[in-house]
Amino acid sequence: MNRVGYILSAHPDVIGLEVISNARVPIIKFQHLPTGIRCDLNCENEIGAKRSQFIAAIMTLDSRISPYLFVLKLWAKAHQLLGNPTVALSSYSLVLLSIYCLQRMIPSVIPPIA
């Protein structure tokens, strides 16, 4: 992770780089300067990769899902509902709750997942 962090730190579009190598799942946090998007990068986390693939697949079902989730996460962060795992939801939990709500709408935005 330190080597990846070193490589990223040389990129002009990366700011606020932080390597957290002593965490349960080592992670690199940074912000992409042109878009302002904050990123968390980890390696060798199969469950995290599968979760990302699942969310990516869900977002292909309707063009409204991606902007909806993005705004919902911004709102939740602004209201301190995301972040600290001891007092708030994880981002993934919020996305799963949102997917459930989108399935339960009448008419549903996305079909039930079997």
PDB file of N, CA and C in Angstrom:
ATOM      1  N   MET A   1       0.831  -1.191   0.000  1.00  0.00           N
ATOM      2  CA  MET A   1       0.000   0.000   0.000  1.00  0.00           C
ATOM      3  C   MET A   1       0.873   1.252   0.000  1.00  0.00           C
ATOM      4  N   ASN A   2       1.994   1.189   0.697  1.00  0.00           N
ATOM      5  CA  ASN A   2       2.872   2.354   0.739  1.00  0.00           C
ATOM      6  C   ASN A   2       3.413   2.682  -0.645  1.00  0.00           C
ATOM      7  N   ARG A   3       3.734   1.648  -1.418  1.00  0.00           N
ATOM      8  CA  ARG A   3       4.257   1.877  -2.774  1.00  0.00           C
ATOM      9  C   ARG A   3       3.182   2.499  -3.672  1.00  0.00           C
ATOM     10  N   VAL A   4       1.957   1.982  -3.575  1.00  0.00           N
ATOM     11  CA  VAL A   4       0.848   2.542  -4.355  1.00  0.00           C
ATOM     12  C   VAL A   4       0.617   3.995  -3.940  1.00  0.00           C
ATOM     13  N   GLY A   5       0.662   4.264  -2.631  1.00  0.00           N
ATOM     14  CA  GLY A   5       0.507   5.625  -2.134  1.00  0.00           C
ATOM     15  C   GLY A   5       1.580   6.548  -2.675  1.00  0.00           C
ATOM     16  N   TYR A   6       2.803   6.047  -2.743  1.00  0.00           N
ATOM     17  CA  TYR A   6       3.908   6.849  -3.275  1.00  0.00           C
ATOM     18  C   TYR A   6       3.672   7.194  -4.748  1.00  0.00           C
ATOM     19  N   ILE A   7       3.205   6.209  -5.512  1.00  0.00           N
ATOM     20  CA  ILE A   7       2.935   6.440  -6.944  1.00  0.00           C
ATOM     21  C   ILE A   7       1.798   7.447  -7.109  1.00  0.00           C
ATOM     22  N   LEU A   8       0.727   7.285  -6.326  1.00  0.00           N
ATOM     23  CA  LEU A   8      -0.408   8.215  -6.414  1.00  0.00           C
ATOM     24  C   LEU A   8      -0.018   9.632  -6.000  1.00  0.00           C
ATOM     25  N   SER A   9       0.868   9.743  -5.026  1.00  0.00           N
ATOM     26  CA  SER A   9       1.250  11.074  -4.531  1.00  0.00           C
ATOM     27  C   SER A   9       1.950  11.906  -5.608  1.00  0.00           C
ATOM     28  N   ALA A  10       2.513  11.249  -6.600  1.00  0.00           N
ATOM     29  CA  ALA A  10       3.188  11.968  -7.682  1.00  0.00           C
ATOM     30  C   ALA A  10       2.220  12.460  -8.753  1.00  0.00           C
ATOM     31  N   HIS A  11       0.968  12.013  -8.694  1.00  0.00           N
ATOM     32  CA  HIS A  11      -0.008  12.402  -9.714  1.00  0.00           C
ATOM     33  C   HIS A  11      -0.560  13.792  -9.386  1.00  0.00           C
ATOM     34  N   PRO A  12      -0.585  14.699 -10.370  1.00  0.00           N
ATOM     35  CA  PRO A  12      -1.033  16.077 -10.092  1.00  0.00           C
ATOM     36  C   PRO A  12      -2.515  16.219  -9.752  1.00  0.00           C
ATOM     37  N   ASP A  13      -3.331  15.223 -10.091  1.00  0.00           N
ATOM     38  CA  ASP A  13      -4.771  15.305  -9.819  1.00  0.00           C
ATOM     39  C   ASP A  13      -5.165  14.710  -8.471  1.00  0.00           C
ATOM     40  N   VAL A  14      -4.182  14.253  -7.690  1.00  0.00           N
ATOM     41  CA  VAL A  14      -4.447  13.615  -6.398  1.00  0.00           C
ATOM     42  C   VAL A  14      -4.052  14.564  -5.273  1.00  0.00           C
ATOM     43  N   ILE A  15      -4.994  14.824  -4.364  1.00  0.00           N
ATOM     44  CA  ILE A  15      -4.697  15.656  -3.192  1.00  0.00           C
ATOM     45  C   ILE A  15      -5.178  14.946  -1.925  1.00  0.00           C
ATOM     46  N   GLY A  16      -4.639  15.364  -0.800  1.00  0.00           N
ATOM     47  CA  GLY A  16      -5.075  14.831   0.487  1.00  0.00           C
ATOM     48  C   GLY A  16      -4.823  13.347   0.653  1.00  0.00           C
ATOM     49  N   LEU A  17      -3.723  12.845   0.108  1.00  0.00           N
ATOM     50  CA  LEU A  17      -3.439  11.417   0.157  1.00  0.00           C
ATOM     51  C   LEU A  17      -3.102  10.977   1.578  1.00  0.00           C
ATOM     52  N   GLU A  18      -3.728   9.871   1.998  1.00  0.00           N
ATOM     53  CA  GLU A  18      -3.478   9.301   3.320  1.00  0.00           C
ATOM     54  C   GLU A  18      -3.441   7.785   3.184  1.00  0.00           C
ATOM     55  N   VAL A  19      -2.324   7.185   3.577  1.00  0.00           N
ATOM     56  CA  VAL A  19      -2.174   5.733   3.546  1.00  0.00           C
ATOM     57  C   VAL A  19      -2.426   5.214   4.956  1.00  0.00           C
ATOM     58  N   ILE A  20      -3.430   4.334   5.085  1.00  0.00           N
ATOM     59  CA  ILE A  20      -3.755   3.731   6.372  1.00  0.00           C
ATOM     60  C   ILE A  20      -3.421   2.247   6.253  1.00  0.00           C
ATOM     61  N   SER A  21      -2.167   1.910   6.521  1.00  0.00           N
ATOM     62  CA  SER A  21      -1.702   0.542   6.304  1.00  0.00           C
ATOM     63  C   SER A  21      -1.907  -0.358   7.513  1.00  0.00           C
ATOM     64  N   ASN A  22      -2.216   0.207   8.677  1.00  0.00           N
ATOM     65  CA  ASN A  22      -2.388  -0.618   9.878  1.00  0.00           C
ATOM     66  C   ASN A  22      -3.854  -0.947  10.168  1.00  0.00           C
ATOM     67  N   ALA A  23      -4.769  -0.641   9.263  1.00  0.00           N
ATOM     68  CA  ALA A  23      -6.189  -0.954   9.444  1.00  0.00           C
ATOM     69  C   ALA A  23      -6.451  -2.432   9.151  1.00  0.00           C
ATOM     70  N   ARG A  24      -7.625  -2.916   9.567  1.00  0.00           N
ATOM     71  CA  ARG A  24      -8.011  -4.304   9.290  1.00  0.00           C
ATOM     72  C   ARG A  24      -7.927  -4.579   7.792  1.00  0.00           C
ATOM     73  N   VAL A  25      -8.443  -3.647   7.010  1.00  0.00           N
ATOM     74  CA  VAL A  25      -8.287  -3.678   5.556  1.00  0.00           C
ATOM     75  C   VAL A  25      -7.493  -2.424   5.188  1.00  0.00           C
ATOM     76  N   PRO A  26      -6.206  -2.570   4.870  1.00  0.00           N
ATOM     77  CA  PRO A  26      -5.391  -1.395   4.524  1.00  0.00           C
ATOM     78  C   PRO A  26      -6.037  -0.597   3.394  1.00  0.00           C
ATOM     79  N   ILE A  27      -5.958   0.723   3.508  1.00  0.00           N
ATOM     80  CA  ILE A  27      -6.674   1.590   2.570  1.00  0.00           C
ATOM     81  C   ILE A  27      -5.871   2.847   2.272  1.00  0.00           C
ATOM     82  N   ILE A  28      -6.087   3.392   1.099  1.00  0.00           N
ATOM     83  CA  ILE A  28      -5.507   4.679   0.714  1.00  0.00           C
ATOM     84  C   ILE A  28      -6.669   5.615   0.461  1.00  0.00           C
ATOM     85  N   LYS A  29      -6.670   6.746   1.141  1.00  0.00           N
ATOM     86  CA  LYS A  29      -7.710   7.761   0.961  1.00  0.00           C
ATOM     87  C   LYS A  29      -7.099   8.940   0.223  1.00  0.00           C
ATOM     88  N   PHE A  30      -7.855   9.488  -0.723  1.00  0.00           N
ATOM     89  CA  PHE A  30      -7.397  10.671  -1.445  1.00  0.00           C
ATOM     90  C   PHE A  30      -8.586  11.337  -2.116  1.00  0.00           C
ATOM     91  N   GLN A  31      -8.332  12.517  -2.649  1.00  0.00           N
ATOM     92  CA  GLN A  31      -9.369  13.234  -3.386  1.00  0.00           C
ATOM     93  C   GLN A  31      -8.876  13.475  -4.806  1.00  0.00           C
ATOM     94  N   HIS A  32      -9.764  13.242  -5.764  1.00  0.00           N
ATOM     95  CA  HIS A  32      -9.463  13.507  -7.172  1.00  0.00           C
ATOM     96  C   HIS A  32      -9.766  14.975  -7.420  1.00  0.00           C
ATOM     97  N   LEU A  33      -8.742  15.761  -7.664  1.00  0.00           N
ATOM     98  CA  LEU A  33      -8.858  17.212  -7.737  1.00  0.00           C
ATOM     99  C   LEU A  33      -9.841  17.715  -8.804  1.00  0.00           C
ATOM    100  N   PRO A  34      -9.799  17.235 -10.053  1.00  0.00           N
ATOM    101  CA  PRO A  34     -10.715  17.787 -11.064  1.00  0.00           C
ATOM    102  C   PRO A  34     -12.200  17.585 -10.755  1.00  0.00           C
ATOM    103  N   THR A  35     -12.538  16.453 -10.139  1.00  0.00           N
ATOM    104  CA  THR A  35     -13.955  16.176  -9.867  1.00  0.00           C
ATOM    105  C   THR A  35     -14.351  16.459  -8.428  1.00  0.00           C
ATOM    106  N   GLY A  36     -13.384  16.516  -7.535  1.00  0.00           N
ATOM    107  CA  GLY A  36     -13.677  16.707  -6.117  1.00  0.00           C
ATOM    108  C   GLY A  36     -14.151  15.437  -5.437  1.00  0.00           C
ATOM    109  N   ILE A  37     -14.124  14.314  -6.134  1.00  0.00           N
ATOM    110  CA  ILE A  37     -14.580  13.046  -5.568  1.00  0.00           C
ATOM    111  C   ILE A  37     -13.515  12.488  -4.634  1.00  0.00           C
ATOM    112  N   ARG A  38     -13.970  12.082  -3.445  1.00  0.00           N
ATOM    113  CA  ARG A  38     -13.076  11.457  -2.469  1.00  0.00           C
ATOM    114  C   ARG A  38     -13.086   9.956  -2.704  1.00  0.00           C
ATOM    115  N   CYS A  39     -11.905   9.382  -2.710  1.00  0.00           N
ATOM    116  CA  CYS A  39     -11.760   7.969  -3.045  1.00  0.00           C
ATOM    117  C   CYS A  39     -11.127   7.196  -1.900  1.00  0.00           C
ATOM    118  N   ASP A  40     -11.549   5.953  -1.745  1.00  0.00           N
ATOM    119  CA  ASP A  40     -10.922   4.990  -0.853  1.00  0.00           C
ATOM    120  C   ASP A  40     -10.481   3.829  -1.724  1.00  0.00           C
ATOM    121  N   LEU A  41      -9.213   3.510  -1.665  1.00  0.00           N
ATOM    122  CA  LEU A  41      -8.653   2.455  -2.497  1.00  0.00           C
ATOM    123  C   LEU A  41      -8.095   1.377  -1.594  1.00  0.00           C
ATOM    124  N   ASN A  42      -8.485   0.121  -1.853  1.00  0.00           N
ATOM    125  CA  ASN A  42      -7.900  -0.977  -1.094  1.00  0.00           C
ATOM    126  C   ASN A  42      -7.539  -2.103  -2.044  1.00  0.00           C
ATOM    127  N   CYS A  43      -6.709  -3.019  -1.576  1.00  0.00           N
ATOM    128  CA  CYS A  43      -6.265  -4.148  -2.388  1.00  0.00           C
ATOM    129  C   CYS A  43      -6.539  -5.441  -1.641  1.00  0.00           C
ATOM    130  N   GLU A  44      -6.720  -6.498  -2.380  1.00  0.00           N
ATOM    131  CA  GLU A  44      -6.915  -7.832  -1.819  1.00  0.00           C
ATOM    132  C   GLU A  44      -8.106  -7.910  -0.870  1.00  0.00           C
ATOM    133  N   ASN A  45      -9.194  -7.275  -1.256  1.00  0.00           N
ATOM    134  CA  ASN A  45     -10.417  -7.339  -0.470  1.00  0.00           C
ATOM    135  C   ASN A  45     -11.505  -7.859  -1.402  1.00  0.00           C
ATOM    136  N   GLU A  46     -11.633  -9.178  -1.490  1.00  0.00           N
ATOM    137  CA  GLU A  46     -12.578  -9.784  -2.428  1.00  0.00           C
ATOM    138  C   GLU A  46     -14.015  -9.373  -2.160  1.00  0.00           C
ATOM    139  N   ILE A  47     -14.389  -9.298  -0.889  1.00  0.00           N
ATOM    140  CA  ILE A  47     -15.770  -8.926  -0.559  1.00  0.00           C
ATOM    141  C   ILE A  47     -16.050  -7.504  -1.026  1.00  0.00           C
ATOM    142  N   GLY A  48     -15.109  -6.602  -0.796  1.00  0.00           N
ATOM    143  CA  GLY A  48     -15.267  -5.222  -1.253  1.00  0.00           C
ATOM    144  C   GLY A  48     -15.391  -5.134  -2.765  1.00  0.00           C
ATOM    145  N   ALA A  49     -14.607  -5.936  -3.469  1.00  0.00           N
ATOM    146  CA  ALA A  49     -14.679  -5.949  -4.934  1.00  0.00           C
ATOM    147  C   ALA A  49     -16.028  -6.472  -5.412  1.00  0.00           C
ATOM    148  N   LYS A  50     -16.524  -7.529  -4.774  1.00  0.00           N
ATOM    149  CA  LYS A  50     -17.833  -8.079  -5.154  1.00  0.00           C
ATOM    150  C   LYS A  50     -18.948  -7.078  -4.865  1.00  0.00           C
ATOM    151  N   ARG A  51     -18.852  -6.374  -3.726  1.00  0.00           N
ATOM    152  CA  ARG A  51     -19.846  -5.348  -3.411  1.00  0.00           C
ATOM    153  C   ARG A  51     -19.849  -4.256  -4.470  1.00  0.00           C
ATOM    154  N   SER A  52     -18.658  -3.830  -4.884  1.00  0.00           N
ATOM    155  CA  SER A  52     -18.557  -2.790  -5.916  1.00  0.00           C
ATOM    156  C   SER A  52     -19.148  -3.263  -7.237  1.00  0.00           C
ATOM    157  N   GLN A  53     -18.893  -4.517  -7.592  1.00  0.00           N
ATOM    158  CA  GLN A  53     -19.461  -5.076  -8.827  1.00  0.00           C
ATOM    159  C   GLN A  53     -20.979  -5.128  -8.746  1.00  0.00           C
ATOM    160  N   PHE A  54     -21.500  -5.501  -7.589  1.00  0.00           N
ATOM    161  CA  PHE A  54     -22.950  -5.566  -7.392  1.00  0.00           C
ATOM    162  C   PHE A  54     -23.585  -4.184  -7.566  1.00  0.00           C
ATOM    163  N   ILE A  55     -22.997  -3.181  -6.920  1.00  0.00           N
ATOM    164  CA  ILE A  55     -23.543  -1.823  -7.026  1.00  0.00           C
ATOM    165  C   ILE A  55     -23.433  -1.318  -8.458  1.00  0.00           C
ATOM    166  N   ALA A  56     -22.319  -1.599  -9.113  1.00  0.00           N
ATOM    167  CA  ALA A  56     -22.161  -1.185 -10.514  1.00  0.00           C
ATOM    168  C   ALA A  56     -23.224  -1.830 -11.397  1.00  0.00           C
ATOM    169  N   ALA A  57     -23.526  -3.094 -11.146  1.00  0.00           N
ATOM    170  CA  ALA A  57     -24.558  -3.788 -11.927  1.00  0.00           C
ATOM    171  C   ALA A  57     -25.934  -3.173 -11.678  1.00  0.00           C
ATOM    172  N   ILE A  58     -26.226  -2.845 -10.432  1.00  0.00           N
ATOM    173  CA  ILE A  58     -27.514  -2.214 -10.102  1.00  0.00           C
ATOM    174  C   ILE A  58     -27.645  -0.876 -10.828  1.00  0.00           C
ATOM    175  N   MET A  59     -26.554  -0.108 -10.869  1.00  0.00           N
ATOM    176  CA  MET A  59     -26.618   1.216 -11.494  1.00  0.00           C
ATOM    177  C   MET A  59     -26.846   1.163 -12.994  1.00  0.00           C
ATOM    178  N   THR A  60     -26.585   0.025 -13.624  1.00  0.00           N
ATOM    179  CA  THR A  60     -26.839  -0.099 -15.062  1.00  0.00           C
ATOM    180  C   THR A  60     -28.322  -0.302 -15.368  1.00  0.00           C
ATOM    181  N   LEU A  61     -29.127  -0.604 -14.338  1.00  0.00           N
ATOM    182  CA  LEU A  61     -30.546  -0.899 -14.557  1.00  0.00           C
ATOM    183  C   LEU A  61     -31.389   0.343 -14.857  1.00  0.00           C
ATOM    184  N   ASP A  62     -30.947   1.498 -14.369  1.00  0.00           N
ATOM    185  CA  ASP A  62     -31.710   2.737 -14.578  1.00  0.00           C
ATOM    186  C   ASP A  62     -30.745   3.913 -14.455  1.00  0.00           C
ATOM    187  N   SER A  63     -30.819   4.845 -15.374  1.00  0.00           N
ATOM    188  CA  SER A  63     -29.873   5.976 -15.380  1.00  0.00           C
ATOM    189  C   SER A  63     -30.061   6.920 -14.194  1.00  0.00           C
ATOM    190  N   ARG A  64     -31.171   6.825 -13.495  1.00  0.00           N
ATOM    191  CA  ARG A  64     -31.421   7.709 -12.344  1.00  0.00           C
ATOM    192  C   ARG A  64     -30.765   7.216 -11.061  1.00  0.00           C
ATOM    193  N   ILE A  65     -30.348   5.966 -11.015  1.00  0.00           N
ATOM    194  CA  ILE A  65     -29.844   5.384  -9.770  1.00  0.00           C
ATOM    195  C   ILE A  65     -28.524   6.018  -9.340  1.00  0.00           C
ATOM    196  N   SER A  66     -27.592   6.169 -10.250  1.00  0.00           N
ATOM    197  CA  SER A  66     -26.269   6.713  -9.889  1.00  0.00           C
ATOM    198  C   SER A  66     -26.362   8.124  -9.301  1.00  0.00           C
ATOM    199  N   PRO A  67     -27.040   9.077  -9.981  1.00  0.00           N
ATOM    200  CA  PRO A  67     -27.139  10.405  -9.377  1.00  0.00           C
ATOM    201  C   PRO A  67     -27.918  10.404  -8.065  1.00  0.00           C
ATOM    202  N   TYR A  68     -28.927   9.541  -7.960  1.00  0.00           N
ATOM    203  CA  TYR A  68     -29.701   9.426  -6.725  1.00  0.00           C
ATOM    204  C   TYR A  68     -28.802   8.991  -5.564  1.00  0.00           C
ATOM    205  N   LEU A  69     -28.002   7.959  -5.779  1.00  0.00           N
ATOM    206  CA  LEU A  69     -27.119   7.468  -4.722  1.00  0.00           C
ATOM    207  C   LEU A  69     -26.052   8.504  -4.370  1.00  0.00           C
ATOM    208  N   PHE A  70     -25.552   9.203  -5.371  1.00  0.00           N
ATOM    209  CA  PHE A  70     -24.525  10.226  -5.128  1.00  0.00           C
ATOM    210  C   PHE A  70     -25.078  11.347  -4.247  1.00  0.00           C
ATOM    211  N   VAL A  71     -26.244  11.844  -4.581  1.00  0.00           N
ATOM    212  CA  VAL A  71     -26.856  12.928  -3.792  1.00  0.00           C
ATOM    213  C   VAL A  71     -27.248  12.432  -2.401  1.00  0.00           C
ATOM    214  N   LEU A  72     -27.761  11.209  -2.330  1.00  0.00           N
ATOM    215  CA  LEU A  72     -28.136  10.648  -1.031  1.00  0.00           C
ATOM    216  C   LEU A  72     -26.925  10.536  -0.110  1.00  0.00           C
ATOM    217  N   LYS A  73     -25.784  10.100  -0.654  1.00  0.00           N
ATOM    218  CA  LYS A  73     -24.571   9.993   0.160  1.00  0.00           C
ATOM    219  C   LYS A  73     -24.078  11.371   0.596  1.00  0.00           C
ATOM    220  N   LEU A  74     -24.153  12.360  -0.279  1.00  0.00           N
ATOM    221  CA  LEU A  74     -23.768  13.726   0.109  1.00  0.00           C
ATOM    222  C   LEU A  74     -24.659  14.236   1.237  1.00  0.00           C
ATOM    223  N   TRP A  75     -25.964  13.991   1.117  1.00  0.00           N
ATOM    224  CA  TRP A  75     -26.910  14.413   2.149  1.00  0.00           C
ATOM    225  C   TRP A  75     -26.604  13.718   3.480  1.00  0.00           C
ATOM    226  N   ALA A  76     -26.373  12.409   3.421  1.00  0.00           N
ATOM    227  CA  ALA A  76     -26.100  11.642   4.635  1.00  0.00           C
ATOM    228  C   ALA A  76     -24.805  12.099   5.310  1.00  0.00           C
ATOM    229  N   LYS A  77     -23.788  12.412   4.510  1.00  0.00           N
ATOM    230  CA  LYS A  77     -22.534  12.913   5.086  1.00  0.00           C
ATOM    231  C   LYS A  77     -22.748  14.269   5.732  1.00  0.00           C
ATOM    232  N   ALA A  78     -23.518  15.139   5.079  1.00  0.00           N
ATOM    233  CA  ALA A  78     -23.784  16.473   5.620  1.00  0.00           C
ATOM    234  C   ALA A  78     -24.528  16.402   6.947  1.00  0.00           C
ATOM    235  N   HIS A  79     -25.328  15.357   7.129  1.00  0.00           N
ATOM    236  CA  HIS A  79     -26.084  15.172   8.370  1.00  0.00           C
ATOM    237  C   HIS A  79     -25.409  14.191   9.327  1.00  0.00           C
ATOM    238  N   GLN A  80     -24.141  13.893   9.054  1.00  0.00           N
ATOM    239  CA  GLN A  80     -23.307  13.022   9.886  1.00  0.00           C
ATOM    240  C   GLN A  80     -23.924  11.644  10.095  1.00  0.00           C
ATOM    241  N   LEU A  81     -24.566  11.135   9.058  1.00  0.00           N
ATOM    242  CA  LEU A  81     -25.139   9.798   9.108  1.00  0.00           C
ATOM    243  C   LEU A  81     -24.203   8.748   8.523  1.00  0.00           C
ATOM    244  N   LEU A  82     -23.138   9.187   7.884  1.00  0.00           N
ATOM    245  CA  LEU A  82     -22.127   8.286   7.318  1.00  0.00           C
ATOM    246  C   LEU A  82     -20.786   8.611   7.946  1.00  0.00           C
ATOM    247  N   GLY A  83     -19.947   7.615   8.011  1.00  0.00           N
ATOM    248  CA  GLY A  83     -18.595   7.883   8.478  1.00  0.00           C
ATOM    249  C   GLY A  83     -18.176   6.988   9.616  1.00  0.00           C
ATOM    250  N   ASN A  84     -18.215   7.500  10.811  1.00  0.00           N
ATOM    251  CA  ASN A  84     -17.754   6.770  11.987  1.00  0.00           C
ATOM    252  C   ASN A  84     -18.601   5.509  12.174  1.00  0.00           C
ATOM    253  N   PRO A  85     -17.985   4.321  12.061  1.00  0.00           N
ATOM    254  CA  PRO A  85     -18.779   3.088  12.127  1.00  0.00           C
ATOM    255  C   PRO A  85     -19.429   2.824  13.482  1.00  0.00           C
ATOM    256  N   THR A  86     -18.990   3.496  14.523  1.00  0.00           N
ATOM    257  CA  THR A  86     -19.595   3.259  15.838  1.00  0.00           C
ATOM    258  C   THR A  86     -20.879   4.058  16.041  1.00  0.00           C
ATOM    259  N   VAL A  87     -21.091   5.107  15.257  1.00  0.00           N
ATOM    260  CA  VAL A  87     -22.281   5.945  15.450  1.00  0.00           C
ATOM    261  C   VAL A  87     -23.076   6.189  14.173  1.00  0.00           C
ATOM    262  N   ALA A  88     -22.647   5.643  13.053  1.00  0.00           N
ATOM    263  CA  ALA A  88     -23.318   5.945  11.795  1.00  0.00           C
ATOM    264  C   ALA A  88     -23.344   4.713  10.884  1.00  0.00           C
ATOM    265  N   LEU A  89     -24.085   4.831   9.792  1.00  0.00           N
ATOM    266  CA  LEU A  89     -24.151   3.777   8.783  1.00  0.00           C
ATOM    267  C   LEU A  89     -22.882   3.751   7.945  1.00  0.00           C
ATOM    268  N   SER A  90     -22.579   2.592   7.411  1.00  0.00           N
ATOM    269  CA  SER A  90     -21.531   2.542   6.393  1.00  0.00           C
ATOM    270  C   SER A  90     -22.163   2.982   5.068  1.00  0.00           C
ATOM    271  N   SER A  91     -21.334   3.403   4.163  1.00  0.00           N
ATOM    272  CA  SER A  91     -21.818   3.815   2.848  1.00  0.00           C
ATOM    273  C   SER A  91     -22.520   2.653   2.151  1.00  0.00           C
ATOM    274  N   TYR A  92     -21.972   1.466   2.295  1.00  0.00           N
ATOM    275  CA  TYR A  92     -22.571   0.283   1.675  1.00  0.00           C
ATOM    276  C   TYR A  92     -23.959  -0.005   2.262  1.00  0.00           C
ATOM    277  N   SER A  93     -24.117   0.142   3.569  1.00  0.00           N
ATOM    278  CA  SER A  93     -25.421  -0.076   4.202  1.00  0.00           C
ATOM    279  C   SER A  93     -26.457   0.903   3.665  1.00  0.00           C
ATOM    280  N   LEU A  94     -26.058   2.153   3.506  1.00  0.00           N
ATOM    281  CA  LEU A  94     -26.970   3.163   2.966  1.00  0.00           C
ATOM    282  C   LEU A  94     -27.389   2.802   1.542  1.00  0.00           C
ATOM    283  N   VAL A  95     -26.437   2.339   0.744  1.00  0.00           N
ATOM    284  CA  VAL A  95     -26.741   1.947  -0.632  1.00  0.00           C
ATOM    285  C   VAL A  95     -27.704   0.756  -0.648  1.00  0.00           C
ATOM    286  N   LEU A  96     -27.481  -0.228   0.223  1.00  0.00           N
ATOM    287  CA  LEU A  96     -28.390  -1.381   0.278  1.00  0.00           C
ATOM    288  C   LEU A  96     -29.798  -0.963   0.688  1.00  0.00           C
ATOM    289  N   LEU A  97     -29.906  -0.086   1.666  1.00  0.00           N
ATOM    290  CA  LEU A  97     -31.226   0.420   2.065  1.00  0.00           C
ATOM    291  C   LEU A  97     -31.903   1.142   0.902  1.00  0.00           C
ATOM    292  N   SER A  98     -31.127   1.898   0.161  1.00  0.00           N
ATOM    293  CA  SER A  98     -31.659   2.640  -0.984  1.00  0.00           C
ATOM    294  C   SER A  98     -32.140   1.695  -2.078  1.00  0.00           C
ATOM    295  N   ILE A  99     -31.363   0.644  -2.321  1.00  0.00           N
ATOM    296  CA  ILE A  99     -31.754  -0.349  -3.325  1.00  0.00           C
ATOM    297  C   ILE A  99     -33.077  -0.997  -2.922  1.00  0.00           C
ATOM    298  N   TYR A 100     -33.194  -1.349  -1.660  1.00  0.00           N
ATOM    299  CA  TYR A 100     -34.439  -1.939  -1.164  1.00  0.00           C
ATOM    300  C   TYR A 100     -35.625  -0.993  -1.403  1.00  0.00           C
ATOM    301  N   CYS A 101     -35.438   0.287  -1.080  1.00  0.00           N
ATOM    302  CA  CYS A 101     -36.517   1.262  -1.284  1.00  0.00           C
ATOM    303  C   CYS A 101     -36.882   1.398  -2.753  1.00  0.00           C
ATOM    304  N   LEU A 102     -35.881   1.390  -3.620  1.00  0.00           N
ATOM    305  CA  LEU A 102     -36.149   1.494  -5.061  1.00  0.00           C
ATOM    306  C   LEU A 102     -36.899   0.263  -5.578  1.00  0.00           C
ATOM    307  N   GLN A 103     -36.675  -0.890  -4.955  1.00  0.00           N
ATOM    308  CA  GLN A 103     -37.394  -2.106  -5.341  1.00  0.00           C
ATOM    309  C   GLN A 103     -38.845  -2.071  -4.868  1.00  0.00           C
ATOM    310  N   ARG A 104     -39.096  -1.436  -3.743  1.00  0.00           N
ATOM    311  CA  ARG A 104     -40.424  -1.431  -3.130  1.00  0.00           C
ATOM    312  C   ARG A 104     -41.337  -0.329  -3.657  1.00  0.00           C
ATOM    313  N   MET A 105     -40.795   0.616  -4.418  1.00  0.00           N
ATOM    314  CA  MET A 105     -41.622   1.692  -4.965  1.00  0.00           C
ATOM    315  C   MET A 105     -42.662   1.117  -5.929  1.00  0.00           C
ATOM    316  N   ILE A 106     -43.747   1.841  -6.083  1.00  0.00           N
ATOM    317  CA  ILE A 106     -44.780   1.432  -7.037  1.00  0.00           C
ATOM    318  C   ILE A 106     -44.923   2.544  -8.070  1.00  0.00           C
ATOM    319  N   PRO A 107     -44.580   2.310  -9.319  1.00  0.00           N
ATOM    320  CA  PRO A 107     -43.911   1.131  -9.850  1.00  0.00           C
ATOM    321  C   PRO A 107     -42.449   1.086  -9.400  1.00  0.00           C
ATOM    322  N   SER A 108     -41.886  -0.103  -9.341  1.00  0.00           N
ATOM    323  CA  SER A 108     -40.514  -0.246  -8.873  1.00  0.00           C
ATOM    324  C   SER A 108     -39.542   0.341  -9.887  1.00  0.00           C
ATOM    325  N   VAL A 109     -38.466   0.934  -9.378  1.00  0.00           N
ATOM    326  CA  VAL A 109     -37.418   1.483 -10.236  1.00  0.00           C
ATOM    327  C   VAL A 109     -36.516   0.366 -10.703  1.00  0.00           C
ATOM    328  N   ILE A 110     -36.260  -0.596  -9.806  1.00  0.00           N
ATOM    329  CA  ILE A 110     -35.456  -1.758 -10.165  1.00  0.00           C
ATOM    330  C   ILE A 110     -36.188  -3.022  -9.700  1.00  0.00           C
ATOM    331  N   PRO A 111     -35.979  -4.119 -10.407  1.00  0.00           N
ATOM    332  CA  PRO A 111     -36.686  -5.355 -10.050  1.00  0.00           C
ATOM    333  C   PRO A 111     -36.105  -5.975  -8.785  1.00  0.00           C
ATOM    334  N   PRO A 112     -36.889  -6.816  -8.100  1.00  0.00           N
ATOM    335  CA  PRO A 112     -36.347  -7.532  -6.952  1.00  0.00           C
ATOM    336  C   PRO A 112     -35.159  -8.397  -7.357  1.00  0.00           C
ATOM    337  N   ILE A 113     -34.224  -8.527  -6.461  1.00  0.00           N
ATOM    338  CA  ILE A 113     -33.022  -9.333  -6.735  1.00  0.00           C
ATOM    339  C   ILE A 113     -33.189 -10.654  -6.017  1.00  0.00           C
ATOM    340  N   ALA A 114     -33.139 -11.724  -6.803  1.00  0.00           N
ATOM    341  CA  ALA A 114     -33.359 -13.058  -6.219  1.00  0.00           C
ATOM    342  C   ALA A 114     -32.075 -13.652  -5.695  1.00  0.00           C
TER     343      ALA A 114
END
